[in-house]
Amino acid sequence: MGAFVMELWAFMKERKKFWLLPIIMVLVLLGSLIVLTQGSAVAPFIYTLF
């Protein structure tokens, strides 16, 4: 996983695609939110946001 992150960072640095960083961070945050709340009582409230 660390190699993937380093390669992604090298790509963004070389191609000047730093605008991708906020998009990737939001996608990771939303994905982890869905995974972490899947079995909890908070899940119905999270799914109403989408």
PDB file of N, CA and C in Angstrom:
ATOM      1  N   MET A   1       0.824  -1.195   0.000  1.00  0.00           N
ATOM      2  CA  MET A   1       0.000   0.000   0.000  1.00  0.00           C
ATOM      3  C   MET A   1       0.864   1.252   0.000  1.00  0.00           C
ATOM      4  N   GLY A   2       1.969   1.201   0.726  1.00  0.00           N
ATOM      5  CA  GLY A   2       2.857   2.355   0.775  1.00  0.00           C
ATOM      6  C   GLY A   2       3.490   2.661  -0.567  1.00  0.00           C
ATOM      7  N   ALA A   3       3.787   1.601  -1.340  1.00  0.00           N
ATOM      8  CA  ALA A   3       4.376   1.798  -2.660  1.00  0.00           C
ATOM      9  C   ALA A   3       3.383   2.486  -3.595  1.00  0.00           C
ATOM     10  N   PHE A   4       2.111   2.132  -3.449  1.00  0.00           N
ATOM     11  CA  PHE A   4       1.079   2.754  -4.279  1.00  0.00           C
ATOM     12  C   PHE A   4       0.969   4.250  -3.984  1.00  0.00           C
ATOM     13  N   VAL A   5       0.999   4.597  -2.708  1.00  0.00           N
ATOM     14  CA  VAL A   5       0.896   6.008  -2.309  1.00  0.00           C
ATOM     15  C   VAL A   5       2.109   6.785  -2.807  1.00  0.00           C
ATOM     16  N   MET A   6       3.289   6.199  -2.671  1.00  0.00           N
ATOM     17  CA  MET A   6       4.505   6.876  -3.144  1.00  0.00           C
ATOM     18  C   MET A   6       4.477   7.060  -4.676  1.00  0.00           C
ATOM     19  N   GLU A   7       3.994   6.045  -5.385  1.00  0.00           N
ATOM     20  CA  GLU A   7       3.912   6.151  -6.845  1.00  0.00           C
ATOM     21  C   GLU A   7       2.871   7.190  -7.260  1.00  0.00           C
ATOM     22  N   LEU A   8       1.749   7.233  -6.547  1.00  0.00           N
ATOM     23  CA  LEU A   8       0.724   8.237  -6.835  1.00  0.00           C
ATOM     24  C   LEU A   8       1.252   9.641  -6.579  1.00  0.00           C
ATOM     25  N   TRP A   9       1.984   9.814  -5.476  1.00  0.00           N
ATOM     26  CA  TRP A   9       2.565  11.123  -5.161  1.00  0.00           C
ATOM     27  C   TRP A   9       3.586  11.529  -6.222  1.00  0.00           C
ATOM     28  N   ALA A  10       4.415  10.579  -6.670  1.00  0.00           N
ATOM     29  CA  ALA A  10       5.405  10.878  -7.703  1.00  0.00           C
ATOM     30  C   ALA A  10       4.713  11.287  -9.007  1.00  0.00           C
ATOM     31  N   PHE A  11       3.609  10.616  -9.336  1.00  0.00           N
ATOM     32  CA  PHE A  11       2.849  10.968 -10.535  1.00  0.00           C
ATOM     33  C   PHE A  11       2.301  12.383 -10.433  1.00  0.00           C
ATOM     34  N   MET A  12       1.677  12.691  -9.288  1.00  0.00           N
ATOM     35  CA  MET A  12       1.098  14.029  -9.130  1.00  0.00           C
ATOM     36  C   MET A  12       2.179  15.105  -9.132  1.00  0.00           C
ATOM     37  N   LYS A  13       3.319  14.816  -8.551  1.00  0.00           N
ATOM     38  CA  LYS A  13       4.403  15.794  -8.503  1.00  0.00           C
ATOM     39  C   LYS A  13       4.998  16.035  -9.888  1.00  0.00           C
ATOM     40  N   GLU A  14       5.160  14.955 -10.652  1.00  0.00           N
ATOM     41  CA  GLU A  14       5.776  15.085 -11.972  1.00  0.00           C
ATOM     42  C   GLU A  14       4.837  15.755 -12.973  1.00  0.00           C
ATOM     43  N   ARG A  15       3.575  15.389 -12.934  1.00  0.00           N
ATOM     44  CA  ARG A  15       2.607  15.913 -13.905  1.00  0.00           C
ATOM     45  C   ARG A  15       1.884  17.169 -13.434  1.00  0.00           C
ATOM     46  N   LYS A  16       2.230  17.664 -12.238  1.00  0.00           N
ATOM     47  CA  LYS A  16       1.595  18.864 -11.669  1.00  0.00           C
ATOM     48  C   LYS A  16       0.083  18.691 -11.547  1.00  0.00           C
ATOM     49  N   LYS A  17      -0.334  17.555 -11.027  1.00  0.00           N
ATOM     50  CA  LYS A  17      -1.755  17.243 -10.858  1.00  0.00           C
ATOM     51  C   LYS A  17      -2.132  17.271  -9.381  1.00  0.00           C
ATOM     52  N   PHE A  18      -1.739  18.319  -8.683  1.00  0.00           N
ATOM     53  CA  PHE A  18      -2.009  18.412  -7.258  1.00  0.00           C
ATOM     54  C   PHE A  18      -3.492  18.601  -6.958  1.00  0.00           C
ATOM     55  N   TRP A  19      -4.273  18.960  -7.959  1.00  0.00           N
ATOM     56  CA  TRP A  19      -5.705  19.121  -7.757  1.00  0.00           C
ATOM     57  C   TRP A  19      -6.385  17.778  -7.518  1.00  0.00           C
ATOM     58  N   LEU A  20      -5.702  16.673  -7.820  1.00  0.00           N
ATOM     59  CA  LEU A  20      -6.273  15.352  -7.564  1.00  0.00           C
ATOM     60  C   LEU A  20      -6.267  14.987  -6.081  1.00  0.00           C
ATOM     61  N   LEU A  21      -5.372  15.583  -5.313  1.00  0.00           N
ATOM     62  CA  LEU A  21      -5.219  15.227  -3.908  1.00  0.00           C
ATOM     63  C   LEU A  21      -6.503  15.432  -3.093  1.00  0.00           C
ATOM     64  N   PRO A  22      -7.196  16.561  -3.181  1.00  0.00           N
ATOM     65  CA  PRO A  22      -8.447  16.695  -2.408  1.00  0.00           C
ATOM     66  C   PRO A  22      -9.523  15.697  -2.834  1.00  0.00           C
ATOM     67  N   ILE A  23      -9.591  15.391  -4.111  1.00  0.00           N
ATOM     68  CA  ILE A  23     -10.584  14.431  -4.601  1.00  0.00           C
ATOM     69  C   ILE A  23     -10.306  13.051  -4.033  1.00  0.00           C
ATOM     70  N   ILE A  24      -9.050  12.635  -4.055  1.00  0.00           N
ATOM     71  CA  ILE A  24      -8.676  11.324  -3.533  1.00  0.00           C
ATOM     72  C   ILE A  24      -8.926  11.258  -2.030  1.00  0.00           C
ATOM     73  N   MET A  25      -8.610  12.322  -1.320  1.00  0.00           N
ATOM     74  CA  MET A  25      -8.811  12.325   0.131  1.00  0.00           C
ATOM     75  C   MET A  25     -10.299  12.241   0.486  1.00  0.00           C
ATOM     76  N   VAL A  26     -11.146  12.938  -0.238  1.00  0.00           N
ATOM     77  CA  VAL A  26     -12.587  12.883   0.025  1.00  0.00           C
ATOM     78  C   VAL A  26     -13.120  11.483  -0.268  1.00  0.00           C
ATOM     79  N   LEU A  27     -12.679  10.866  -1.353  1.00  0.00           N
ATOM     80  CA  LEU A  27     -13.132   9.515  -1.676  1.00  0.00           C
ATOM     81  C   LEU A  27     -12.703   8.513  -0.621  1.00  0.00           C
ATOM     82  N   VAL A  28     -11.475   8.626  -0.137  1.00  0.00           N
ATOM     83  CA  VAL A  28     -10.995   7.731   0.919  1.00  0.00           C
ATOM     84  C   VAL A  28     -11.781   7.963   2.205  1.00  0.00           C
ATOM     85  N   LEU A  29     -12.048   9.207   2.532  1.00  0.00           N
ATOM     86  CA  LEU A  29     -12.799   9.525   3.750  1.00  0.00           C
ATOM     87  C   LEU A  29     -14.218   8.973   3.680  1.00  0.00           C
ATOM     88  N   LEU A  30     -14.895   9.168   2.570  1.00  0.00           N
ATOM     89  CA  LEU A  30     -16.255   8.649   2.432  1.00  0.00           C
ATOM     90  C   LEU A  30     -16.273   7.120   2.436  1.00  0.00           C
ATOM     91  N   GLY A  31     -15.311   6.510   1.791  1.00  0.00           N
ATOM     92  CA  GLY A  31     -15.239   5.046   1.789  1.00  0.00           C
ATOM     93  C   GLY A  31     -15.008   4.489   3.171  1.00  0.00           C
ATOM     94  N   SER A  32     -14.110   5.094   3.917  1.00  0.00           N
ATOM     95  CA  SER A  32     -13.859   4.611   5.272  1.00  0.00           C
ATOM     96  C   SER A  32     -15.055   4.881   6.180  1.00  0.00           C
ATOM     97  N   LEU A  33     -15.763   5.974   5.981  1.00  0.00           N
ATOM     98  CA  LEU A  33     -16.963   6.263   6.756  1.00  0.00           C
ATOM     99  C   LEU A  33     -18.029   5.201   6.526  1.00  0.00           C
ATOM    100  N   ILE A  34     -18.215   4.804   5.297  1.00  0.00           N
ATOM    101  CA  ILE A  34     -19.205   3.778   4.982  1.00  0.00           C
ATOM    102  C   ILE A  34     -18.798   2.431   5.563  1.00  0.00           C
ATOM    103  N   VAL A  35     -17.531   2.092   5.460  1.00  0.00           N
ATOM    104  CA  VAL A  35     -17.064   0.807   5.988  1.00  0.00           C
ATOM    105  C   VAL A  35     -17.176   0.770   7.505  1.00  0.00           C
ATOM    106  N   LEU A  36     -16.802   1.846   8.173  1.00  0.00           N
ATOM    107  CA  LEU A  36     -16.811   1.856   9.638  1.00  0.00           C
ATOM    108  C   LEU A  36     -18.216   1.893  10.232  1.00  0.00           C
ATOM    109  N   THR A  37     -19.166   2.479   9.544  1.00  0.00           N
ATOM    110  CA  THR A  37     -20.521   2.607  10.096  1.00  0.00           C
ATOM    111  C   THR A  37     -21.474   1.560   9.557  1.00  0.00           C
ATOM    112  N   GLN A  38     -20.996   0.585   8.837  1.00  0.00           N
ATOM    113  CA  GLN A  38     -21.878  -0.383   8.201  1.00  0.00           C
ATOM    114  C   GLN A  38     -22.667  -1.205   9.223  1.00  0.00           C
ATOM    115  N   GLY A  39     -22.070  -1.566  10.319  1.00  0.00           N
ATOM    116  CA  GLY A  39     -22.770  -2.405  11.279  1.00  0.00           C
ATOM    117  C   GLY A  39     -23.258  -1.665  12.503  1.00  0.00           C
ATOM    118  N   SER A  40     -23.214  -0.368  12.502  1.00  0.00           N
ATOM    119  CA  SER A  40     -23.586   0.370  13.710  1.00  0.00           C
ATOM    120  C   SER A  40     -24.995   0.944  13.589  1.00  0.00           C
ATOM    121  N   ALA A  41     -25.461   1.530  14.690  1.00  0.00           N
ATOM    122  CA  ALA A  41     -26.785   2.147  14.718  1.00  0.00           C
ATOM    123  C   ALA A  41     -26.801   3.488  13.994  1.00  0.00           C
ATOM    124  N   VAL A  42     -25.624   4.015  13.673  1.00  0.00           N
ATOM    125  CA  VAL A  42     -25.533   5.303  12.991  1.00  0.00           C
ATOM    126  C   VAL A  42     -25.721   5.144  11.479  1.00  0.00           C
ATOM    127  N   ALA A  43     -25.629   3.925  10.984  1.00  0.00           N
ATOM    128  CA  ALA A  43     -25.669   3.670   9.536  1.00  0.00           C
ATOM    129  C   ALA A  43     -26.894   4.267   8.841  1.00  0.00           C
ATOM    130  N   PRO A  44     -28.112   4.122   9.358  1.00  0.00           N
ATOM    131  CA  PRO A  44     -29.258   4.716   8.644  1.00  0.00           C
ATOM    132  C   PRO A  44     -29.160   6.226   8.498  1.00  0.00           C
ATOM    133  N   PHE A  45     -28.545   6.892   9.474  1.00  0.00           N
ATOM    134  CA  PHE A  45     -28.412   8.343   9.384  1.00  0.00           C
ATOM    135  C   PHE A  45     -27.344   8.740   8.380  1.00  0.00           C
ATOM    136  N   ILE A  46     -26.293   7.931   8.264  1.00  0.00           N
ATOM    137  CA  ILE A  46     -25.231   8.214   7.289  1.00  0.00           C
ATOM    138  C   ILE A  46     -25.764   8.016   5.874  1.00  0.00           C
ATOM    139  N   TYR A  47     -26.533   6.957   5.657  1.00  0.00           N
ATOM    140  CA  TYR A  47     -27.022   6.668   4.315  1.00  0.00           C
ATOM    141  C   TYR A  47     -28.053   7.674   3.833  1.00  0.00           C
ATOM    142  N   THR A  48     -28.702   8.394   4.744  1.00  0.00           N
ATOM    143  CA  THR A  48     -29.627   9.424   4.293  1.00  0.00           C
ATOM    144  C   THR A  48     -28.911  10.612   3.689  1.00  0.00           C
ATOM    145  N   LEU A  49     -27.611  10.758   3.988  1.00  0.00           N
ATOM    146  CA  LEU A  49     -26.840  11.858   3.396  1.00  0.00           C
ATOM    147  C   LEU A  49     -26.618  11.638   1.914  1.00  0.00           C
ATOM    148  N   PHE A  50     -26.646  10.390   1.487  1.00  0.00           N
ATOM    149  CA  PHE A  50     -26.375  10.089   0.091  1.00  0.00           C
ATOM    150  C   PHE A  50     -27.669   9.779  -0.603  1.00  0.00           C
TER     151      PHE A  50
END
